[in-house]
Protein backbone atom coordinates (compact mmCIF):
# COMPACT_ATOMS: atom_id res chain seq x y z
CA UNK A 1 4.56 204.79 33.67
CA UNK A 2 6.44 207.98 35.03
CA UNK A 3 4.14 207.67 37.62
CA UNK A 4 4.58 204.21 38.73
CA UNK A 5 7.98 205.17 38.42
CA UNK A 6 7.03 207.28 41.68
CA UNK A 7 4.91 204.75 43.77
CA UNK A 8 7.76 202.77 43.38
CA UNK A 9 10.78 205.18 44.76
CA UNK A 10 7.87 205.66 47.17
CA UNK A 11 7.60 202.45 48.05
CA UNK A 12 11.67 202.33 48.23
CA UNK A 13 11.42 204.92 50.74
CA UNK A 14 9.07 203.65 53.15
CA UNK A 15 10.70 200.04 53.56
CA UNK A 16 11.41 201.49 56.83
CA UNK A 17 8.76 202.46 58.01
CA UNK A 18 5.33 200.08 59.69
CA UNK A 19 3.03 200.24 56.27
CA UNK A 20 0.11 198.78 58.59
CA UNK A 21 0.45 201.40 61.46
CA UNK A 22 1.02 204.22 59.60
CA UNK A 23 -2.42 205.72 58.35
CA UNK A 24 -3.07 208.47 56.17
CA UNK A 25 -6.31 209.94 54.72
CA UNK A 26 -8.18 209.60 51.76
CA UNK A 27 -8.39 212.21 49.23
CA UNK A 28 -11.99 211.07 49.03
CA UNK A 29 -13.61 211.69 52.66
CA UNK A 30 -11.99 212.92 55.68
CA UNK A 31 -13.45 210.55 57.29
CA UNK A 32 -11.61 207.46 55.56
CA UNK A 33 -8.17 206.72 57.05
CA UNK A 34 -6.17 203.58 55.76
CA UNK A 35 -3.36 202.24 56.58
CA UNK A 36 -0.15 203.10 54.19
CA UNK A 37 0.25 199.18 52.72
CA UNK A 38 -3.24 199.23 51.64
CA UNK A 39 -2.90 202.45 49.29
CA UNK A 40 0.02 201.50 47.95
CA UNK A 41 -2.25 198.05 47.07
CA UNK A 42 -4.39 200.30 45.97
CA UNK A 43 -2.23 202.54 43.50
CA UNK A 44 -0.69 198.68 42.23
CA UNK A 45 -4.73 197.56 41.39
CA UNK A 46 -5.49 200.90 39.78
CA UNK A 47 -2.41 200.79 37.78
CA UNK A 48 -2.72 197.05 36.51
CA UNK A 49 -6.25 198.55 35.27
CA UNK A 50 -5.13 201.21 33.23
CA UNK A 51 -2.93 198.87 31.78
CA UNK A 52 -5.79 196.61 30.69
CA UNK A 53 -7.63 199.34 29.57
CA UNK A 54 -4.30 200.63 27.42
CA UNK A 55 -3.41 197.46 26.16
CA UNK A 56 -7.17 196.77 24.53
CA UNK A 57 -7.42 200.34 23.39
CA UNK A 58 -4.12 198.57 21.54
CA UNK A 59 -5.60 196.05 20.24
CA UNK A 60 -8.80 197.58 18.67
CA UNK A 61 -6.61 200.10 16.77
CA UNK A 62 -4.54 197.28 15.96
CA UNK A 63 -7.66 195.50 14.56
CA UNK A 64 -9.45 198.32 13.18
CA UNK A 65 -6.14 198.57 10.89
CA UNK A 66 -6.19 195.55 9.75
């Protein structure tokens, strides 16, 4: 959750920036460059995936305890 708060803070700070024009390097490969908007979208989807994983683990723990 702290990481999500940090990402939301960065999104808020970038309000005045053209997210499609601002390019950043990929941590995967220096050959890949993404626009900042795509980076924020990737982070959001990645976070949603982790929340889904956490929900499934919690559900399984509740089922096992029952």
